[in-house]
Amino acid sequence: MKPWSFATALGFGAILLWSGLPLLTAASSTMPPFQMTAVTFAIGGFCGLIVLAVRGELKQLQQDWRAWLVGAGGLFLYHALYFAALRSAPPAEASLVNHLWPLLIVLFSALLPGERLAARHVIGVLVSFTGLLALFWGKDISVSALQSGHVLALAAAFTWAAYSLLSRRLTYVPSGSVAGFCLATAAMAALMHFASEETVWPQGTVEWSALLALGLGPVGAAFFLWDHGVKHGDHLACAGRFYRTQSRARLGLCDDRWRRLYRVPHSGMKVALPRACKKFVIPDTPKR
């Protein structure tokens, strides 16, 4: 396998791990979002630190301020927003809004050296955001249906797109440095938690197991894989694969209204990333 293809495959591995994020988040008790971010990133960061120490590669943590700003700042802001969104809106709906970040990656990729924004990319993005507005202000949707979780999920989408593309520009930063970014994210989240939240710990084996699984997988190993994938592989392929594999699963959990209206942003995605969405069909509304 060519290095470029292998890197893209690692990006796909991150997507596989992220598929369990909403379920594990829901199973890990009602822990406040900043506390959740602090604990899970501490687990992932310390595990990564152990791996670096065993391999004698702790020098990978010595990076410049740009790497730390993008890495730690991006991870902290995105997950604080996303965890808060899952707590403030129906998880399936918040995830669908957040899943617009692949289109944002397509749009903002034009800012990278050697990249070009095609007309179909612009058209696809415009159609998709028109569809997003329809989700909230369609004929059978009132303004009051817009919850804070939806807004937080959209902000998270912009944050993750920016983090991914800025990371691609920092190809000189090794993926092992993500361990340091995770620990810095955990520290920032802990400070915010102690300043604004009440501590709530999981109860029982199931909740503790879900929390540990979060730190090891979706909020741990996945970030090392994604970092390598977007830096050295096909970032557009990774974005398209995420949309194709994740959004269909979320649509199956939504009500009929969301399933009908999401056909509009999906049409935009098919225009912008036709190969990624070729076999992706919006599930029909179940017959009653």
Protein backbone atom coordinates (compact mmCIF):
# COMPACT_ATOMS: atom_id res chain seq x y z
CA MET A 1 0.00 0.00 0.00
CA LYS A 2 1.33 3.45 -0.93
CA PRO A 3 2.07 5.84 1.99
CA TRP A 4 -0.64 8.22 0.74
CA SER A 5 -3.23 5.41 0.66
CA PHE A 6 -2.14 4.10 4.06
CA ALA A 7 -2.52 7.56 5.61
CA THR A 8 -6.02 7.88 4.17
CA ALA A 9 -6.90 4.44 5.57
CA LEU A 10 -5.78 5.63 9.02
CA GLY A 11 -8.15 8.57 8.64
CA PHE A 12 -10.93 6.09 7.91
CA GLY A 13 -9.98 4.26 11.12
CA ALA A 14 -10.62 7.43 13.10
CA ILE A 15 -14.07 7.65 11.54
CA LEU A 16 -14.82 4.10 12.66
CA LEU A 17 -13.90 4.95 16.24
CA TRP A 18 -15.99 8.12 16.19
CA SER A 19 -19.09 6.12 15.30
CA GLY A 20 -19.35 5.18 18.97
CA LEU A 21 -19.01 8.72 20.33
CA PRO A 22 -22.71 9.63 20.79
CA LEU A 23 -23.61 6.25 22.28
CA LEU A 24 -20.69 6.21 24.72
CA THR A 25 -21.34 9.84 25.68
CA ALA A 26 -24.96 9.02 26.50
CA ALA A 27 -23.91 5.93 28.50
CA SER A 28 -21.30 7.73 30.59
CA SER A 29 -23.76 9.44 32.96
CA THR A 30 -24.84 13.08 33.10
CA MET A 31 -21.30 14.35 33.56
CA PRO A 32 -21.03 18.08 32.66
CA PRO A 33 -19.39 18.79 29.28
CA PHE A 34 -16.17 20.38 30.58
CA GLN A 35 -15.66 17.60 33.12
CA MET A 36 -16.33 15.03 30.38
CA THR A 37 -13.78 16.72 28.14
CA ALA A 38 -11.16 16.88 30.92
CA VAL A 39 -11.47 13.25 31.99
CA THR A 40 -11.62 11.66 28.54
CA PHE A 41 -8.75 13.71 27.12
CA ALA A 42 -6.63 12.95 30.17
CA ILE A 43 -7.15 9.23 29.51
CA GLY A 44 -6.26 9.56 25.83
CA GLY A 45 -3.33 11.89 26.48
CA PHE A 46 -1.70 9.76 29.16
CA CYS A 47 -2.05 6.63 27.02
CA GLY A 48 -0.38 8.46 24.13
CA LEU A 49 2.34 9.71 26.48
CA ILE A 50 3.08 6.16 27.61
CA VAL A 51 3.44 5.03 24.00
CA LEU A 52 5.85 7.88 23.24
CA ALA A 53 7.91 7.11 26.33
CA VAL A 54 8.17 3.41 25.48
CA ARG A 55 9.27 4.27 21.94
CA GLY A 56 11.70 6.92 23.13
CA GLU A 57 9.93 9.66 21.17
CA LEU A 58 9.00 12.17 23.88
CA LYS A 59 10.79 14.87 21.86
CA GLN A 60 7.75 14.92 19.59
CA LEU A 61 6.07 17.03 22.27
CA GLN A 62 8.50 19.89 21.65
CA GLN A 63 6.54 21.94 19.12
CA ASP A 64 6.19 25.65 18.37
CA TRP A 65 3.32 27.85 19.54
CA ARG A 66 1.40 27.48 16.26
CA ALA A 67 1.19 23.72 16.67
CA TRP A 68 -0.02 24.03 20.26
CA LEU A 69 -2.57 26.71 19.38
CA VAL A 70 -4.09 24.64 16.57
CA GLY A 71 -3.77 21.28 18.29
CA ALA A 72 -4.77 21.98 21.87
CA GLY A 73 -7.02 24.96 21.10
CA GLY A 74 -8.89 23.18 18.33
CA LEU A 75 -9.45 19.98 20.27
CA PHE A 76 -10.61 21.79 23.39
CA LEU A 77 -13.03 24.13 21.65
CA TYR A 78 -14.54 21.49 19.39
CA HIS A 79 -15.26 18.95 22.10
CA ALA A 80 -16.54 21.46 24.59
CA LEU A 81 -19.03 22.58 21.93
CA TYR A 82 -19.93 19.07 20.77
CA PHE A 83 -20.45 17.56 24.23
CA ALA A 84 -22.57 20.56 25.18
CA ALA A 85 -24.62 20.15 21.99
CA LEU A 86 -25.33 16.49 22.76
CA ARG A 87 -26.59 17.52 26.21
CA SER A 88 -28.74 20.42 24.93
CA ALA A 89 -30.50 18.93 21.89
CA PRO A 90 -31.64 15.49 20.71
CA PRO A 91 -28.32 13.67 20.06
CA ALA A 92 -29.26 12.49 16.56
CA GLU A 93 -30.26 16.00 15.44
CA ALA A 94 -27.19 17.63 16.99
CA SER A 95 -24.98 15.07 15.24
CA LEU A 96 -26.60 15.75 11.86
CA VAL A 97 -25.96 19.48 12.16
CA ASN A 98 -22.40 18.82 13.30
CA HIS A 99 -21.91 16.52 10.31
CA LEU A 100 -21.86 19.49 7.98
CA TRP A 101 -18.13 19.81 8.70
CA PRO A 102 -17.15 17.65 5.68
CA LEU A 103 -18.69 20.30 3.42
CA LEU A 104 -16.87 23.02 5.31
CA ILE A 105 -13.61 21.16 4.75
CA VAL A 106 -14.38 21.11 1.03
CA LEU A 107 -15.11 24.84 1.05
CA PHE A 108 -12.12 25.92 3.12
CA SER A 109 -9.71 23.59 1.31
CA ALA A 110 -9.39 26.30 -1.34
CA LEU A 111 -7.29 28.23 1.17
CA LEU A 112 -4.62 25.53 1.22
CA PRO A 113 -1.57 25.68 -1.10
CA GLY A 114 -2.14 23.77 -4.31
CA GLU A 115 -5.89 23.39 -3.75
CA ARG A 116 -8.63 24.77 -5.99
CA LEU A 117 -12.32 25.31 -5.29
CA ALA A 118 -14.47 24.01 -8.15
CA ALA A 119 -17.89 25.40 -9.04
CA ARG A 120 -19.60 22.19 -7.88
CA HIS A 121 -18.03 22.65 -4.45
CA VAL A 122 -19.54 26.12 -4.08
CA ILE A 123 -22.94 24.97 -5.37
CA GLY A 124 -22.94 21.98 -3.05
CA VAL A 125 -22.14 24.06 0.00
CA LEU A 126 -24.84 26.62 -0.81
CA VAL A 127 -27.46 23.91 -1.35
CA SER A 128 -26.53 22.19 1.89
CA PHE A 129 -26.76 25.31 4.02
CA THR A 130 -30.09 26.14 2.40
CA GLY A 131 -31.21 22.71 3.51
CA LEU A 132 -29.96 23.37 7.02
CA LEU A 133 -32.16 26.46 7.21
CA ALA A 134 -35.07 24.38 5.97
CA LEU A 135 -34.52 21.98 8.86
CA PHE A 136 -35.37 24.78 11.27
CA TRP A 137 -37.68 27.07 9.36
CA GLY A 138 -39.63 24.74 7.10
CA LYS A 139 -43.40 24.82 6.85
CA ASP A 140 -43.89 22.62 9.89
CA ILE A 141 -41.00 23.98 11.98
CA SER A 142 -41.28 27.05 14.16
CA VAL A 143 -38.42 29.26 15.32
CA SER A 144 -38.96 27.92 18.82
CA ALA A 145 -37.85 24.50 17.57
CA LEU A 146 -34.30 25.82 17.32
CA GLN A 147 -32.47 24.69 20.43
CA SER A 148 -29.17 25.90 21.80
CA GLY A 149 -27.74 22.44 21.09
CA HIS A 150 -28.26 22.93 17.35
CA VAL A 151 -26.33 26.21 17.40
CA LEU A 152 -23.54 24.62 19.44
CA ALA A 153 -23.37 21.72 16.98
CA LEU A 154 -23.00 24.10 14.03
CA ALA A 155 -20.24 26.00 15.85
CA ALA A 156 -18.53 22.67 16.50
CA ALA A 157 -18.70 21.85 12.77
CA PHE A 158 -16.89 25.09 11.86
CA THR A 159 -14.32 24.44 14.59
CA TRP A 160 -13.52 20.92 13.45
CA ALA A 161 -13.20 21.91 9.80
CA ALA A 162 -10.75 24.68 10.76
CA TYR A 163 -8.78 22.35 13.04
CA SER A 164 -8.47 19.67 10.35
CA LEU A 165 -7.32 22.02 7.59
CA LEU A 166 -4.91 23.96 9.78
CA SER A 167 -3.43 20.64 10.91
CA ARG A 168 -2.89 19.74 7.25
CA ARG A 169 -0.75 22.84 6.87
CA LEU A 170 1.39 21.77 9.83
CA THR A 171 2.80 18.65 8.19
CA TYR A 172 6.09 19.09 10.05
CA VAL A 173 4.33 18.34 13.34
CA PRO A 174 4.42 14.56 14.07
CA SER A 175 1.18 12.87 15.08
CA GLY A 176 2.73 11.78 18.37
CA SER A 177 2.44 15.39 19.54
CA VAL A 178 -1.32 14.84 19.76
CA ALA A 179 -0.64 13.27 23.17
CA GLY A 180 0.51 16.66 24.44
CA PHE A 181 -2.42 18.41 22.80
CA CYS A 182 -4.80 16.01 24.55
CA LEU A 183 -3.24 16.67 27.95
CA ALA A 184 -3.35 20.43 27.40
CA THR A 185 -6.98 20.13 26.37
CA ALA A 186 -7.71 18.15 29.54
CA ALA A 187 -6.05 20.83 31.68
CA MET A 188 -8.05 23.67 30.07
CA ALA A 189 -11.28 21.74 30.37
CA ALA A 190 -10.55 20.99 34.04
CA LEU A 191 -10.08 24.70 34.79
CA MET A 192 -13.39 25.53 33.09
CA HIS A 193 -15.09 22.70 34.95
CA PHE A 194 -13.99 23.84 38.39
CA ALA A 195 -14.98 27.42 37.56
CA SER A 196 -18.45 26.77 36.16
CA GLU A 197 -19.72 23.25 36.82
CA GLU A 198 -20.63 20.89 39.61
CA THR A 199 -18.64 17.65 39.67
CA VAL A 200 -20.66 14.57 38.77
CA TRP A 201 -18.98 11.16 38.64
CA PRO A 202 -20.30 8.04 36.87
CA GLN A 203 -22.22 5.49 38.89
CA GLY A 204 -21.72 1.79 38.33
CA THR A 205 -19.55 -0.37 36.10
CA VAL A 206 -21.36 0.44 32.86
CA GLU A 207 -20.92 4.21 33.16
CA TRP A 208 -17.26 3.94 34.17
CA SER A 209 -16.60 1.51 31.31
CA ALA A 210 -18.23 3.87 28.82
CA LEU A 211 -16.08 6.75 30.12
CA LEU A 212 -12.90 4.69 29.80
CA ALA A 213 -13.88 3.57 26.30
CA LEU A 214 -14.41 7.20 25.31
CA GLY A 215 -10.92 8.15 26.44
CA LEU A 216 -9.26 5.21 24.72
CA GLY A 217 -11.14 5.32 21.41
CA PRO A 218 -13.21 8.28 20.13
CA VAL A 219 -11.41 10.79 22.36
CA GLY A 220 -8.03 9.06 22.23
CA ALA A 221 -6.66 6.89 19.44
CA ALA A 222 -9.01 8.46 16.88
CA PHE A 223 -7.20 11.81 17.05
CA PHE A 224 -3.80 10.27 16.35
CA LEU A 225 -5.26 8.46 13.32
CA TRP A 226 -7.11 11.53 12.05
CA ASP A 227 -4.07 13.76 12.44
CA HIS A 228 -1.96 11.44 10.29
CA GLY A 229 -4.77 10.96 7.77
CA VAL A 230 -5.46 14.63 7.07
CA LYS A 231 -1.76 15.56 7.00
CA HIS A 232 -0.46 12.83 4.72
CA GLY A 233 -3.55 11.36 3.02
CA ASP A 234 -6.57 12.53 1.04
CA HIS A 235 -8.40 14.88 3.41
CA LEU A 236 -11.39 15.22 1.05
CA ALA A 237 -11.77 11.44 0.88
CA CYS A 238 -11.70 11.30 4.68
CA ALA A 239 -14.37 14.01 4.89
CA GLY A 240 -16.57 12.26 2.34
CA ARG A 241 -16.22 8.88 4.03
CA PHE A 242 -17.23 10.38 7.36
CA TYR A 243 -20.39 11.82 5.85
CA ARG A 244 -21.29 8.61 4.04
CA THR A 245 -20.80 6.31 7.05
CA GLN A 246 -22.06 8.50 9.88
CA SER A 247 -25.00 10.57 8.65
CA ARG A 248 -27.10 7.62 7.49
CA ALA A 249 -26.89 6.05 10.95
CA ARG A 250 -28.00 9.31 12.59
CA LEU A 251 -30.91 9.75 10.17
CA GLY A 252 -32.29 6.40 11.25
CA LEU A 253 -32.71 7.84 14.75
CA CYS A 254 -34.44 11.08 13.69
CA ASP A 255 -38.14 11.76 13.33
CA ASP A 256 -39.94 11.93 9.97
CA ARG A 257 -39.60 15.72 9.67
CA TRP A 258 -35.81 15.66 9.85
CA ARG A 259 -35.59 12.71 7.47
CA ARG A 260 -37.63 14.54 4.82
CA LEU A 261 -35.87 17.88 5.07
CA TYR A 262 -32.34 16.48 5.29
CA ARG A 263 -32.65 15.45 1.63
CA VAL A 264 -31.79 19.05 0.72
CA PRO A 265 -28.36 19.28 2.44
CA HIS A 266 -27.70 15.72 1.28
CA SER A 267 -28.24 16.84 -2.31
CA GLY A 268 -25.63 19.52 -1.75
CA MET A 269 -23.17 16.94 -0.46
CA LYS A 270 -23.78 14.79 -3.55
CA VAL A 271 -22.87 17.78 -5.73
CA ALA A 272 -19.72 18.65 -3.78
CA LEU A 273 -18.46 15.10 -3.14
CA PRO A 274 -20.14 12.85 -5.73
CA ARG A 275 -17.83 9.86 -5.32
CA ALA A 276 -18.20 9.80 -1.54
CA CYS A 277 -22.01 9.96 -1.69
CA LYS A 278 -22.61 7.77 -4.76
CA LYS A 279 -24.10 4.89 -2.76
CA PHE A 280 -25.57 6.92 0.10
CA VAL A 281 -29.37 7.08 0.02
CA ILE A 282 -31.48 8.90 2.61
CA PRO A 283 -33.56 6.23 4.38
CA ASP A 284 -37.25 6.46 3.56
CA THR A 285 -39.81 7.46 6.14
CA PRO A 286 -41.14 4.26 7.71
CA LYS A 287 -44.67 3.33 6.73
CA ARG A 288 -47.19 3.37 9.54
